[in-house]
Amino acid sequence: MKIKPAQLAAILIIGLLVTSILSILTGSVSLDLEVIIKVVKLRLSGLAIPKELIGTDKILFALRIPRTLMMLMTGAALVCSGASYQGLFRNPLADPYLIGVSTGAGLGAVIALSIEWPYSTLGTLMTPILAFLAAILTVGLVFKLGNLGGFKSTTGLILAGVAVNALASALTSTWLLLGKRDIRNSLSWMLGGMVSSGWDPIKIALPLVAIGLTGQFLLSHQLNVLQFGDEQAANLGVQVRKVRLLIIFFSTLTTATVIAFAGIIGFIGLVVPHIIRILVGGDHRQLLPLSMLGGAFFLLFADILARVVLAPQELPVGIITAMTGAPFFLWLLNRTRKEKFS
């Protein structure tokens, strides 16, 4: 079933508005919508918050709104990067989690979080920086081990991704056991539970994610041309090696940044791009921005479910995405195998 890109964009934007409101209202403490509107008006007008509304103001602006924005940004980043990886390697199974980028970024983030950096902008930036460097090393190792030969081997990619994922997870667990961090919070983070709150993570992540997404959007036409194969793309004027490296750089930067703050969230970058591709086709000039919207909606909805399924206790959102994404991955793997041998 095909749908016009503009129609799908409108549907997703409406969905984002609805889920954003639900996300702000959802939590262990119930908030009245009228009270929320009153607090927002006071904030916008610059007036002092009355004592009876200070609690609501703190919950709203220190917890709920930052969390909602982080989930929106994380979903958009992971899914857009997933669509870029799939297009770059012409491989329907190339997802940031499955090829080890997310787990590698998680290892770098855990190492950074265990070190007492100076309280400065550079010290705060070390988490996404080390996450990015570890993710780049991980993705390079996956492609080397997979012996992909032009990035066409699905089997090589998946086997190498599984192996590197296992290695990175083992190293992360070992580092956590040897470190002084709270194991429960660290485990929650590894399962996609956001343990940091407030506006600082958003202030750091937003510029980096914006750079990564913008870079992917600007390369969307070249990504379309690469679908014809490296030789044909080169004949059409595309600098294949340069474009590949740039897409890997921007996609990995985007993924590593959100993983550093939101935790390791799997499968979302695999599921959503395929749904969008079925609905509107494979033109990356449309696929990437629509995947960004779809990813933001999907992850925020999953986060709402994570908060209400076992309320008042919360599940890490990565558990929800894994429960929906793993069956989809098995279906896609079986479909790819049948197409290969048919």
C-alpha atoms as a PDB file:
ATOM      1  CA  MET A   1       0.000   0.000   0.000  1.00  0.00           C
ATOM      2  CA  LYS A   2       1.517   3.282  -1.153  1.00  0.00           C
ATOM      3  CA  ILE A   3       0.795   6.665   0.380  1.00  0.00           C
ATOM      4  CA  LYS A   4       1.874  10.148  -0.664  1.00  0.00           C
ATOM      5  CA  PRO A   5       4.907  11.373   1.331  1.00  0.00           C
ATOM      6  CA  ALA A   6       3.121  14.613   2.297  1.00  0.00           C
ATOM      7  CA  GLN A   7       0.163  12.649   3.685  1.00  0.00           C
ATOM      8  CA  LEU A   8       2.429  10.344   5.681  1.00  0.00           C
ATOM      9  CA  ALA A   9       4.370  13.347   7.014  1.00  0.00           C
ATOM     10  CA  ALA A  10       1.117  14.980   8.150  1.00  0.00           C
ATOM     11  CA  ILE A  11      -0.023  11.774   9.881  1.00  0.00           C
ATOM     12  CA  LEU A  12       3.315  11.388  11.654  1.00  0.00           C
ATOM     13  CA  ILE A  13       3.397  15.030  12.787  1.00  0.00           C
ATOM     14  CA  ILE A  14      -0.111  14.698  14.256  1.00  0.00           C
ATOM     15  CA  GLY A  15       0.991  11.465  15.932  1.00  0.00           C
ATOM     16  CA  LEU A  16       4.044  13.218  17.363  1.00  0.00           C
ATOM     17  CA  LEU A  17       1.918  15.987  18.846  1.00  0.00           C
ATOM     18  CA  VAL A  18      -0.481  13.493  20.447  1.00  0.00           C
ATOM     19  CA  THR A  19       2.251  11.239  21.846  1.00  0.00           C
ATOM     20  CA  SER A  20       4.215  14.254  23.110  1.00  0.00           C
ATOM     21  CA  ILE A  21       1.195  15.395  25.140  1.00  0.00           C
ATOM     22  CA  LEU A  22       0.653  11.847  26.427  1.00  0.00           C
ATOM     23  CA  SER A  23       4.336  11.577  27.354  1.00  0.00           C
ATOM     24  CA  ILE A  24       4.182  14.794  29.383  1.00  0.00           C
ATOM     25  CA  LEU A  25       1.043  13.563  31.177  1.00  0.00           C
ATOM     26  CA  THR A  26       2.355  10.022  31.817  1.00  0.00           C
ATOM     27  CA  GLY A  27       4.322   9.207  34.946  1.00  0.00           C
ATOM     28  CA  SER A  28       4.198   8.061  38.554  1.00  0.00           C
ATOM     29  CA  VAL A  29       2.816  11.476  39.543  1.00  0.00           C
ATOM     30  CA  SER A  30      -0.445  12.453  37.871  1.00  0.00           C
ATOM     31  CA  LEU A  31      -0.526  15.929  36.337  1.00  0.00           C
ATOM     32  CA  ASP A  32      -3.700  17.810  35.455  1.00  0.00           C
ATOM     33  CA  LEU A  33      -3.741  19.263  31.938  1.00  0.00           C
ATOM     34  CA  GLU A  34      -5.255  22.546  33.102  1.00  0.00           C
ATOM     35  CA  VAL A  35      -2.538  22.951  35.728  1.00  0.00           C
ATOM     36  CA  ILE A  36       0.133  22.190  33.107  1.00  0.00           C
ATOM     37  CA  ILE A  37      -1.277  24.867  30.798  1.00  0.00           C
ATOM     38  CA  LYS A  38      -1.313  27.358  33.690  1.00  0.00           C
ATOM     39  CA  VAL A  39       2.330  26.633  34.567  1.00  0.00           C
ATOM     40  CA  VAL A  40       3.400  26.939  30.918  1.00  0.00           C
ATOM     41  CA  LYS A  41       1.622  30.306  30.617  1.00  0.00           C
ATOM     42  CA  LEU A  42       3.389  31.547  33.749  1.00  0.00           C
ATOM     43  CA  ARG A  43       6.736  30.382  32.354  1.00  0.00           C
ATOM     44  CA  LEU A  44       6.158  32.062  29.011  1.00  0.00           C
ATOM     45  CA  SER A  45       5.056  35.310  30.633  1.00  0.00           C
ATOM     46  CA  GLY A  46       8.090  35.331  32.943  1.00  0.00           C
ATOM     47  CA  LEU A  47       5.950  35.553  36.081  1.00  0.00           C
ATOM     48  CA  ALA A  48       6.906  33.874  39.353  1.00  0.00           C
ATOM     49  CA  ILE A  49       5.566  30.362  39.948  1.00  0.00           C
ATOM     50  CA  PRO A  50       3.218  30.187  42.998  1.00  0.00           C
ATOM     51  CA  LYS A  51       4.256  27.829  45.805  1.00  0.00           C
ATOM     52  CA  GLU A  52       1.381  25.438  45.127  1.00  0.00           C
ATOM     53  CA  LEU A  53       2.591  24.997  41.531  1.00  0.00           C
ATOM     54  CA  ILE A  54       6.349  24.667  42.173  1.00  0.00           C
ATOM     55  CA  GLY A  55       6.122  20.856  42.357  1.00  0.00           C
ATOM     56  CA  THR A  56       4.301  20.664  39.055  1.00  0.00           C
ATOM     57  CA  ASP A  57       6.773  23.099  37.499  1.00  0.00           C
ATOM     58  CA  LYS A  58       9.760  20.963  38.537  1.00  0.00           C
ATOM     59  CA  ILE A  59       8.206  17.722  37.327  1.00  0.00           C
ATOM     60  CA  LEU A  60       7.225  19.322  34.048  1.00  0.00           C
ATOM     61  CA  PHE A  61      10.377  21.250  33.148  1.00  0.00           C
ATOM     62  CA  ALA A  62      13.057  19.207  34.904  1.00  0.00           C
ATOM     63  CA  LEU A  63      11.753  15.721  34.080  1.00  0.00           C
ATOM     64  CA  ARG A  64       8.852  15.235  31.695  1.00  0.00           C
ATOM     65  CA  ILE A  65       9.634  17.733  28.915  1.00  0.00           C
ATOM     66  CA  PRO A  66      13.390  16.932  28.760  1.00  0.00           C
ATOM     67  CA  ARG A  67      12.626  13.199  28.692  1.00  0.00           C
ATOM     68  CA  THR A  68      10.095  13.659  25.907  1.00  0.00           C
ATOM     69  CA  LEU A  69      12.540  15.699  23.835  1.00  0.00           C
ATOM     70  CA  MET A  70      15.336  13.167  24.390  1.00  0.00           C
ATOM     71  CA  MET A  71      13.126  10.278  23.258  1.00  0.00           C
ATOM     72  CA  LEU A  72      12.046  12.226  20.169  1.00  0.00           C
ATOM     73  CA  MET A  73      15.654  13.042  19.300  1.00  0.00           C
ATOM     74  CA  THR A  74      16.880   9.500  19.977  1.00  0.00           C
ATOM     75  CA  GLY A  75      14.186   7.873  17.848  1.00  0.00           C
ATOM     76  CA  ALA A  76      14.786  10.284  14.975  1.00  0.00           C
ATOM     77  CA  ALA A  77      18.554   9.756  15.130  1.00  0.00           C
ATOM     78  CA  LEU A  78      18.547   5.947  15.315  1.00  0.00           C
ATOM     79  CA  VAL A  79      15.987   5.426  12.562  1.00  0.00           C
ATOM     80  CA  CYS A  80      17.492   7.950  10.157  1.00  0.00           C
ATOM     81  CA  SER A  81      20.896   6.330  10.672  1.00  0.00           C
ATOM     82  CA  GLY A  82      19.355   2.895  10.158  1.00  0.00           C
ATOM     83  CA  ALA A  83      17.880   4.009   6.817  1.00  0.00           C
ATOM     84  CA  SER A  84      21.262   5.451   5.790  1.00  0.00           C
ATOM     85  CA  TYR A  85      23.150   2.253   6.712  1.00  0.00           C
ATOM     86  CA  GLN A  86      20.641   0.114   4.819  1.00  0.00           C
ATOM     87  CA  GLY A  87      20.939   2.283   1.728  1.00  0.00           C
ATOM     88  CA  LEU A  88      24.714   2.581   1.921  1.00  0.00           C
ATOM     89  CA  PHE A  89      25.353  -1.149   2.187  1.00  0.00           C
ATOM     90  CA  ARG A  90      22.328  -2.082   0.051  1.00  0.00           C
ATOM     91  CA  ASN A  91      21.484  -4.460   2.859  1.00  0.00           C
ATOM     92  CA  PRO A  92      18.055  -4.657   4.527  1.00  0.00           C
ATOM     93  CA  LEU A  93      19.613  -5.947   7.757  1.00  0.00           C
ATOM     94  CA  ALA A  94      22.095  -3.109   8.263  1.00  0.00           C
ATOM     95  CA  ASP A  95      20.873  -1.567  11.503  1.00  0.00           C
ATOM     96  CA  PRO A  96      22.968   0.408  14.050  1.00  0.00           C
ATOM     97  CA  TYR A  97      22.287  -2.250  16.682  1.00  0.00           C
ATOM     98  CA  LEU A  98      22.725  -5.375  14.561  1.00  0.00           C
ATOM     99  CA  ILE A  99      26.030  -4.277  13.003  1.00  0.00           C
ATOM    100  CA  GLY A 100      27.449  -3.370  16.396  1.00  0.00           C
ATOM    101  CA  VAL A 101      27.487   0.428  16.210  1.00  0.00           C
ATOM    102  CA  SER A 102      25.128   0.893  19.167  1.00  0.00           C
ATOM    103  CA  THR A 103      26.931  -1.632  21.367  1.00  0.00           C
ATOM    104  CA  GLY A 104      30.312  -0.160  20.481  1.00  0.00           C
ATOM    105  CA  ALA A 105      29.051   3.321  21.290  1.00  0.00           C
ATOM    106  CA  GLY A 106      27.726   1.956  24.572  1.00  0.00           C
ATOM    107  CA  LEU A 107      31.171   0.611  25.470  1.00  0.00           C
ATOM    108  CA  GLY A 108      32.757   3.982  24.784  1.00  0.00           C
ATOM    109  CA  ALA A 109      30.080   5.760  26.810  1.00  0.00           C
ATOM    110  CA  VAL A 110      30.509   3.404  29.786  1.00  0.00           C
ATOM    111  CA  ILE A 111      34.269   4.001  29.788  1.00  0.00           C
ATOM    112  CA  ALA A 112      33.734   7.756  29.632  1.00  0.00           C
ATOM    113  CA  LEU A 113      31.133   7.726  32.420  1.00  0.00           C
ATOM    114  CA  SER A 114      33.469   5.787  34.722  1.00  0.00           C
ATOM    115  CA  ILE A 115      36.187   8.435  34.544  1.00  0.00           C
ATOM    116  CA  GLU A 116      36.034  11.559  36.702  1.00  0.00           C
ATOM    117  CA  TRP A 117      36.463  14.283  34.098  1.00  0.00           C
ATOM    118  CA  PRO A 118      36.888  17.927  35.084  1.00  0.00           C
ATOM    119  CA  TYR A 119      33.526  19.681  35.459  1.00  0.00           C
ATOM    120  CA  SER A 120      33.689  21.613  32.201  1.00  0.00           C
ATOM    121  CA  THR A 121      32.170  21.606  28.741  1.00  0.00           C
ATOM    122  CA  LEU A 122      34.991  19.393  27.462  1.00  0.00           C
ATOM    123  CA  GLY A 123      34.554  16.997  30.375  1.00  0.00           C
ATOM    124  CA  THR A 124      30.838  16.670  29.622  1.00  0.00           C
ATOM    125  CA  LEU A 125      31.527  16.192  25.916  1.00  0.00           C
ATOM    126  CA  MET A 126      33.875  13.277  26.558  1.00  0.00           C
ATOM    127  CA  THR A 127      30.940  10.843  26.812  1.00  0.00           C
ATOM    128  CA  PRO A 128      29.685  11.363  23.234  1.00  0.00           C
ATOM    129  CA  ILE A 129      33.266  11.736  21.968  1.00  0.00           C
ATOM    130  CA  LEU A 130      34.404   8.357  23.324  1.00  0.00           C
ATOM    131  CA  ALA A 131      31.098   6.807  22.267  1.00  0.00           C
ATOM    132  CA  PHE A 132      31.675   8.050  18.707  1.00  0.00           C
ATOM    133  CA  LEU A 133      35.289   6.836  18.571  1.00  0.00           C
ATOM    134  CA  ALA A 134      34.322   3.397  19.885  1.00  0.00           C
ATOM    135  CA  ALA A 135      31.427   3.197  17.408  1.00  0.00           C
ATOM    136  CA  ILE A 136      33.711   4.062  14.472  1.00  0.00           C
ATOM    137  CA  LEU A 137      36.177   1.374  15.543  1.00  0.00           C
ATOM    138  CA  THR A 138      33.335  -1.112  15.948  1.00  0.00           C
ATOM    139  CA  VAL A 139      31.793  -0.517  12.542  1.00  0.00           C
ATOM    140  CA  GLY A 140      35.237  -0.767  10.921  1.00  0.00           C
ATOM    141  CA  LEU A 141      35.876  -4.067  12.696  1.00  0.00           C
ATOM    142  CA  VAL A 142      32.496  -5.460  11.605  1.00  0.00           C
ATOM    143  CA  PHE A 143      33.148  -4.704   7.944  1.00  0.00           C
ATOM    144  CA  LYS A 144      36.691  -6.075   8.162  1.00  0.00           C
ATOM    145  CA  LEU A 145      35.627  -9.318   9.832  1.00  0.00           C
ATOM    146  CA  GLY A 146      32.629  -9.721   7.565  1.00  0.00           C
ATOM    147  CA  ASN A 147      34.862  -9.621   4.473  1.00  0.00           C
ATOM    148  CA  LEU A 148      31.963  -7.914   2.783  1.00  0.00           C
ATOM    149  CA  GLY A 149      33.526  -7.241  -0.585  1.00  0.00           C
ATOM    150  CA  GLY A 150      31.620  -4.089  -1.432  1.00  0.00           C
ATOM    151  CA  PHE A 151      29.249  -4.451   1.514  1.00  0.00           C
ATOM    152  CA  LYS A 152      26.974  -6.915  -0.293  1.00  0.00           C
ATOM    153  CA  SER A 153      27.153  -9.991   1.915  1.00  0.00           C
ATOM    154  CA  THR A 154      24.195 -10.175   4.272  1.00  0.00           C
ATOM    155  CA  THR A 155      25.532 -13.293   5.984  1.00  0.00           C
ATOM    156  CA  GLY A 156      28.984 -11.825   6.538  1.00  0.00           C
ATOM    157  CA  LEU A 157      27.553  -8.598   7.921  1.00  0.00           C
ATOM    158  CA  ILE A 158      25.203 -10.283  10.371  1.00  0.00           C
ATOM    159  CA  LEU A 159      27.731 -12.870  11.619  1.00  0.00           C
ATOM    160  CA  ALA A 160      30.396 -10.208  12.124  1.00  0.00           C
ATOM    161  CA  GLY A 161      27.849  -7.943  13.810  1.00  0.00           C
ATOM    162  CA  VAL A 162      26.790 -10.702  16.201  1.00  0.00           C
ATOM    163  CA  ALA A 163      30.411 -11.484  17.073  1.00  0.00           C
ATOM    164  CA  VAL A 164      31.406  -7.852  17.636  1.00  0.00           C
ATOM    165  CA  ASN A 165      28.180  -7.200  19.572  1.00  0.00           C
ATOM    166  CA  ALA A 166      29.033 -10.083  21.902  1.00  0.00           C
ATOM    167  CA  LEU A 167      32.595  -8.846  22.346  1.00  0.00           C
ATOM    168  CA  ALA A 168      31.544  -5.245  23.035  1.00  0.00           C
ATOM    169  CA  SER A 169      28.827  -6.404  25.471  1.00  0.00           C
ATOM    170  CA  ALA A 170      31.324  -8.595  27.333  1.00  0.00           C
ATOM    171  CA  LEU A 171      33.832  -5.752  27.579  1.00  0.00           C
ATOM    172  CA  THR A 172      31.098  -3.389  28.767  1.00  0.00           C
ATOM    173  CA  SER A 173      29.929  -5.826  31.462  1.00  0.00           C
ATOM    174  CA  THR A 174      33.502  -6.417  32.606  1.00  0.00           C
ATOM    175  CA  TRP A 175      34.178  -2.700  32.808  1.00  0.00           C
ATOM    176  CA  LEU A 176      31.026  -2.164  34.849  1.00  0.00           C
ATOM    177  CA  LEU A 177      31.860  -4.998  37.255  1.00  0.00           C
ATOM    178  CA  LEU A 178      35.371  -3.630  37.805  1.00  0.00           C
ATOM    179  CA  GLY A 179      34.186  -0.042  38.094  1.00  0.00           C
ATOM    180  CA  LYS A 180      32.471   1.853  40.884  1.00  0.00           C
ATOM    181  CA  ARG A 181      29.245   2.737  39.099  1.00  0.00           C
ATOM    182  CA  ASP A 182      25.864   1.601  40.400  1.00  0.00           C
ATOM    183  CA  ILE A 183      25.237  -1.724  38.629  1.00  0.00           C
ATOM    184  CA  ARG A 184      21.448  -1.368  38.649  1.00  0.00           C
ATOM    185  CA  ASN A 185      21.511   2.020  36.900  1.00  0.00           C
ATOM    186  CA  SER A 186      24.156   0.783  34.480  1.00  0.00           C
ATOM    187  CA  LEU A 187      22.100  -2.309  33.618  1.00  0.00           C
ATOM    188  CA  SER A 188      19.052  -0.134  33.057  1.00  0.00           C
ATOM    189  CA  TRP A 189      21.086   2.089  30.756  1.00  0.00           C
ATOM    190  CA  MET A 190      22.368  -0.915  28.781  1.00  0.00           C
ATOM    191  CA  LEU A 191      18.737  -1.983  28.235  1.00  0.00           C
ATOM    192  CA  GLY A 192      17.761   1.430  26.933  1.00  0.00           C
ATOM    193  CA  GLY A 193      16.777   3.062  30.193  1.00  0.00           C
ATOM    194  CA  MET A 194      17.632   6.759  30.306  1.00  0.00           C
ATOM    195  CA  VAL A 195      19.235   7.328  33.724  1.00  0.00           C
ATOM    196  CA  SER A 196      20.243  10.971  33.146  1.00  0.00           C
ATOM    197  CA  SER A 197      17.658  13.723  33.273  1.00  0.00           C
ATOM    198  CA  GLY A 198      17.346  17.450  32.860  1.00  0.00           C
ATOM    199  CA  TRP A 199      18.391  19.730  30.045  1.00  0.00           C
ATOM    200  CA  ASP A 200      22.184  19.216  30.023  1.00  0.00           C
ATOM    201  CA  PRO A 201      22.121  16.004  27.911  1.00  0.00           C
ATOM    202  CA  ILE A 202      19.839  17.702  25.371  1.00  0.00           C
ATOM    203  CA  LYS A 203      22.052  20.799  25.160  1.00  0.00           C
ATOM    204  CA  ILE A 204      25.057  18.599  24.391  1.00  0.00           C
ATOM    205  CA  ALA A 205      23.371  16.064  22.111  1.00  0.00           C
ATOM    206  CA  LEU A 206      21.191  18.382  20.016  1.00  0.00           C
ATOM    207  CA  PRO A 207      23.982  20.159  18.054  1.00  0.00           C
ATOM    208  CA  LEU A 208      25.795  16.879  17.343  1.00  0.00           C
ATOM    209  CA  VAL A 209      22.610  15.119  16.243  1.00  0.00           C
ATOM    210  CA  ALA A 210      21.687  18.122  14.075  1.00  0.00           C
ATOM    211  CA  ILE A 211      25.079  17.908  12.326  1.00  0.00           C
ATOM    212  CA  GLY A 212      24.680  14.164  11.764  1.00  0.00           C
ATOM    213  CA  LEU A 213      21.118  14.380  10.425  1.00  0.00           C
ATOM    214  CA  THR A 214      21.917  17.361   8.185  1.00  0.00           C
ATOM    215  CA  GLY A 215      24.895  15.525   6.720  1.00  0.00           C
ATOM    216  CA  GLN A 216      22.742  12.485   5.932  1.00  0.00           C
ATOM    217  CA  PHE A 217      20.037  14.631   4.323  1.00  0.00           C
ATOM    218  CA  LEU A 218      22.585  16.429   2.134  1.00  0.00           C
ATOM    219  CA  LEU A 219      23.917  13.073   0.905  1.00  0.00           C
ATOM    220  CA  SER A 220      20.498  11.546   0.204  1.00  0.00           C
ATOM    221  CA  HIS A 221      20.774  12.033  -3.591  1.00  0.00           C
ATOM    222  CA  GLN A 222      24.189  10.370  -3.690  1.00  0.00           C
ATOM    223  CA  LEU A 223      22.736   7.586  -1.566  1.00  0.00           C
ATOM    224  CA  ASN A 224      20.087   7.051  -4.253  1.00  0.00           C
ATOM    225  CA  VAL A 225      22.751   6.831  -6.956  1.00  0.00           C
ATOM    226  CA  LEU A 226      24.745   4.281  -4.950  1.00  0.00           C
ATOM    227  CA  GLN A 227      21.803   1.868  -5.262  1.00  0.00           C
ATOM    228  CA  PHE A 228      22.859   1.274  -8.904  1.00  0.00           C
ATOM    229  CA  GLY A 229      26.216  -0.099  -7.755  1.00  0.00           C
ATOM    230  CA  ASP A 230      29.629   1.455  -7.195  1.00  0.00           C
ATOM    231  CA  GLU A 231      30.742   1.332 -10.832  1.00  0.00           C
ATOM    232  CA  GLN A 232      27.558   2.907 -12.180  1.00  0.00           C
ATOM    233  CA  ALA A 233      27.593   5.533  -9.429  1.00  0.00           C
ATOM    234  CA  ALA A 234      31.176   6.458 -10.280  1.00  0.00           C
ATOM    235  CA  ASN A 235      30.212   6.787 -13.958  1.00  0.00           C
ATOM    236  CA  LEU A 236      27.444   9.193 -12.887  1.00  0.00           C
ATOM    237  CA  GLY A 237      29.944  11.423 -11.119  1.00  0.00           C
ATOM    238  CA  VAL A 238      29.655  10.201  -7.518  1.00  0.00           C
ATOM    239  CA  GLN A 239      32.896  10.013  -5.534  1.00  0.00           C
ATOM    240  CA  VAL A 240      31.993   6.620  -4.120  1.00  0.00           C
ATOM    241  CA  ARG A 241      34.681   6.234  -1.463  1.00  0.00           C
ATOM    242  CA  LYS A 242      34.255   9.807  -0.182  1.00  0.00           C
ATOM    243  CA  VAL A 243      30.464   9.509  -0.036  1.00  0.00           C
ATOM    244  CA  ARG A 244      30.655   6.165   1.790  1.00  0.00           C
ATOM    245  CA  LEU A 245      33.016   7.567   4.412  1.00  0.00           C
ATOM    246  CA  LEU A 246      30.880  10.678   4.907  1.00  0.00           C
ATOM    247  CA  ILE A 247      27.681   8.665   5.352  1.00  0.00           C
ATOM    248  CA  ILE A 248      29.396   6.341   7.821  1.00  0.00           C
ATOM    249  CA  PHE A 249      30.743   9.375   9.702  1.00  0.00           C
ATOM    250  CA  PHE A 250      27.428  11.241   9.944  1.00  0.00           C
ATOM    251  CA  SER A 251      25.370   8.116  10.723  1.00  0.00           C
ATOM    252  CA  THR A 252      27.779   6.933  13.388  1.00  0.00           C
ATOM    253  CA  LEU A 253      28.039  10.402  14.952  1.00  0.00           C
ATOM    254  CA  THR A 254      24.245  10.574  15.182  1.00  0.00           C
ATOM    255  CA  THR A 255      23.903   7.091  16.649  1.00  0.00           C
ATOM    256  CA  ALA A 256      26.753   7.373  19.146  1.00  0.00           C
ATOM    257  CA  THR A 257      25.553  10.716  20.492  1.00  0.00           C
ATOM    258  CA  VAL A 258      22.065   9.552  21.449  1.00  0.00           C
ATOM    259  CA  ILE A 259      23.288   6.171  22.710  1.00  0.00           C
ATOM    260  CA  ALA A 260      25.646   8.009  25.080  1.00  0.00           C
ATOM    261  CA  PHE A 261      22.707   9.626  26.863  1.00  0.00           C
ATOM    262  CA  ALA A 262      19.636   7.460  26.192  1.00  0.00           C
ATOM    263  CA  GLY A 263      21.173   4.009  26.527  1.00  0.00           C
ATOM    264  CA  ILE A 264      21.460   1.110  24.085  1.00  0.00           C
ATOM    265  CA  ILE A 265      18.205   0.840  22.146  1.00  0.00           C
ATOM    266  CA  GLY A 266      18.017  -1.881  19.528  1.00  0.00           C
ATOM    267  CA  PHE A 267      15.975  -2.801  16.447  1.00  0.00           C
ATOM    268  CA  ILE A 268      14.186   0.525  16.005  1.00  0.00           C
ATOM    269  CA  GLY A 269      16.581   1.442  13.187  1.00  0.00           C
ATOM    270  CA  LEU A 270      15.679  -1.825  11.469  1.00  0.00           C
ATOM    271  CA  VAL A 271      11.885  -1.797  11.770  1.00  0.00           C
ATOM    272  CA  VAL A 272      10.813   1.762  11.021  1.00  0.00           C
ATOM    273  CA  PRO A 273      12.797   2.379   7.774  1.00  0.00           C
ATOM    274  CA  HIS A 274      11.275  -0.766   6.254  1.00  0.00           C
ATOM    275  CA  ILE A 275       7.754   0.344   7.137  1.00  0.00           C
ATOM    276  CA  ILE A 276       8.397   3.797   5.662  1.00  0.00           C
ATOM    277  CA  ARG A 277       9.989   2.257   2.556  1.00  0.00           C
ATOM    278  CA  ILE A 278       6.923   0.059   2.008  1.00  0.00           C
ATOM    279  CA  LEU A 279       4.625   3.079   2.306  1.00  0.00           C
ATOM    280  CA  VAL A 280       6.469   5.661   0.170  1.00  0.00           C
ATOM    281  CA  GLY A 281       9.226   3.862  -1.721  1.00  0.00           C
ATOM    282  CA  GLY A 282      13.014   3.923  -1.552  1.00  0.00           C
ATOM    283  CA  ASP A 283      13.878   7.500  -2.562  1.00  0.00           C
ATOM    284  CA  HIS A 284      16.201   8.558   0.270  1.00  0.00           C
ATOM    285  CA  ARG A 285      15.335  12.230  -0.222  1.00  0.00           C
ATOM    286  CA  GLN A 286      11.912  11.303   1.168  1.00  0.00           C
ATOM    287  CA  LEU A 287      12.847   8.186   3.127  1.00  0.00           C
ATOM    288  CA  LEU A 288      15.326   9.858   5.488  1.00  0.00           C
ATOM    289  CA  PRO A 289      13.141  12.737   6.766  1.00  0.00           C
ATOM    290  CA  LEU A 290      10.078  10.483   6.996  1.00  0.00           C
ATOM    291  CA  SER A 291      12.134   7.861   8.854  1.00  0.00           C
ATOM    292  CA  MET A 292      13.221  10.591  11.247  1.00  0.00           C
ATOM    293  CA  LEU A 293       9.580  11.477  11.982  1.00  0.00           C
ATOM    294  CA  GLY A 294       8.561   7.816  12.186  1.00  0.00           C
ATOM    295  CA  GLY A 295      11.428   6.981  14.527  1.00  0.00           C
ATOM    296  CA  ALA A 296      10.609   9.859  16.853  1.00  0.00           C
ATOM    297  CA  PHE A 297       6.962   8.751  17.002  1.00  0.00           C
ATOM    298  CA  PHE A 298       7.748   5.050  17.442  1.00  0.00           C
ATOM    299  CA  LEU A 299      10.282   5.484  20.235  1.00  0.00           C
ATOM    300  CA  LEU A 300       8.197   8.016  22.167  1.00  0.00           C
ATOM    301  CA  PHE A 301       5.196   5.676  21.952  1.00  0.00           C
ATOM    302  CA  ALA A 302       7.393   2.784  23.143  1.00  0.00           C
ATOM    303  CA  ASP A 303       8.620   4.946  26.028  1.00  0.00           C
ATOM    304  CA  ILE A 304       5.034   5.677  27.073  1.00  0.00           C
ATOM    305  CA  LEU A 305       4.319   1.925  27.052  1.00  0.00           C
ATOM    306  CA  ALA A 306       7.449   1.324  29.114  1.00  0.00           C
ATOM    307  CA  ARG A 307       6.086   3.689  31.762  1.00  0.00           C
ATOM    308  CA  VAL A 308       2.565   2.235  31.964  1.00  0.00           C
ATOM    309  CA  VAL A 309       2.983  -1.548  31.476  1.00  0.00           C
ATOM    310  CA  LEU A 310       4.242  -2.142  35.028  1.00  0.00           C
ATOM    311  CA  ALA A 311       3.253   1.217  36.538  1.00  0.00           C
ATOM    312  CA  PRO A 312       4.375   2.670  38.871  1.00  0.00           C
ATOM    313  CA  GLN A 313       7.572   0.761  37.996  1.00  0.00           C
ATOM    314  CA  GLU A 314       9.195   1.595  34.651  1.00  0.00           C
ATOM    315  CA  LEU A 315      10.653  -0.762  32.066  1.00  0.00           C
ATOM    316  CA  PRO A 316      13.715   0.281  30.043  1.00  0.00           C
ATOM    317  CA  VAL A 317      12.416   1.319  26.632  1.00  0.00           C
ATOM    318  CA  GLY A 318      14.970  -0.972  24.965  1.00  0.00           C
ATOM    319  CA  ILE A 319      12.961  -3.963  26.202  1.00  0.00           C
ATOM    320  CA  ILE A 320       9.862  -2.704  24.378  1.00  0.00           C
ATOM    321  CA  THR A 321      11.755  -2.081  21.121  1.00  0.00           C
ATOM    322  CA  ALA A 322      13.407  -5.512  21.339  1.00  0.00           C
ATOM    323  CA  MET A 323      10.068  -7.266  21.882  1.00  0.00           C
ATOM    324  CA  THR A 324       8.656  -5.650  18.749  1.00  0.00           C
ATOM    325  CA  GLY A 325      11.835  -5.582  16.676  1.00  0.00           C
ATOM    326  CA  ALA A 326      13.186  -9.092  17.209  1.00  0.00           C
ATOM    327  CA  PRO A 327      10.195 -10.876  15.545  1.00  0.00           C
ATOM    328  CA  PHE A 328      10.389  -8.358  12.679  1.00  0.00           C
ATOM    329  CA  PHE A 329      14.102  -9.112  12.270  1.00  0.00           C
ATOM    330  CA  LEU A 330      13.432 -12.870  12.084  1.00  0.00           C
ATOM    331  CA  TRP A 331      10.710 -12.307   9.479  1.00  0.00           C
ATOM    332  CA  LEU A 332      13.007 -10.064   7.449  1.00  0.00           C
ATOM    333  CA  LEU A 333      15.894 -12.519   7.687  1.00  0.00           C
ATOM    334  CA  ASN A 334      13.663 -15.350   6.441  1.00  0.00           C
ATOM    335  CA  ARG A 335      12.338 -13.162   3.625  1.00  0.00           C
ATOM    336  CA  THR A 336      15.869 -12.185   2.574  1.00  0.00           C
ATOM    337  CA  ARG A 337      16.957 -15.835   2.565  1.00  0.00           C
ATOM    338  CA  LYS A 338      14.007 -16.856   0.381  1.00  0.00           C
ATOM    339  CA  GLU A 339      14.661 -14.026  -2.088  1.00  0.00           C
ATOM    340  CA  LYS A 340      18.330 -14.978  -2.284  1.00  0.00           C
ATOM    341  CA  PHE A 341      17.652 -18.610  -3.137  1.00  0.00           C
ATOM    342  CA  SER A 342      14.475 -18.189  -5.182  1.00  0.00           C
END
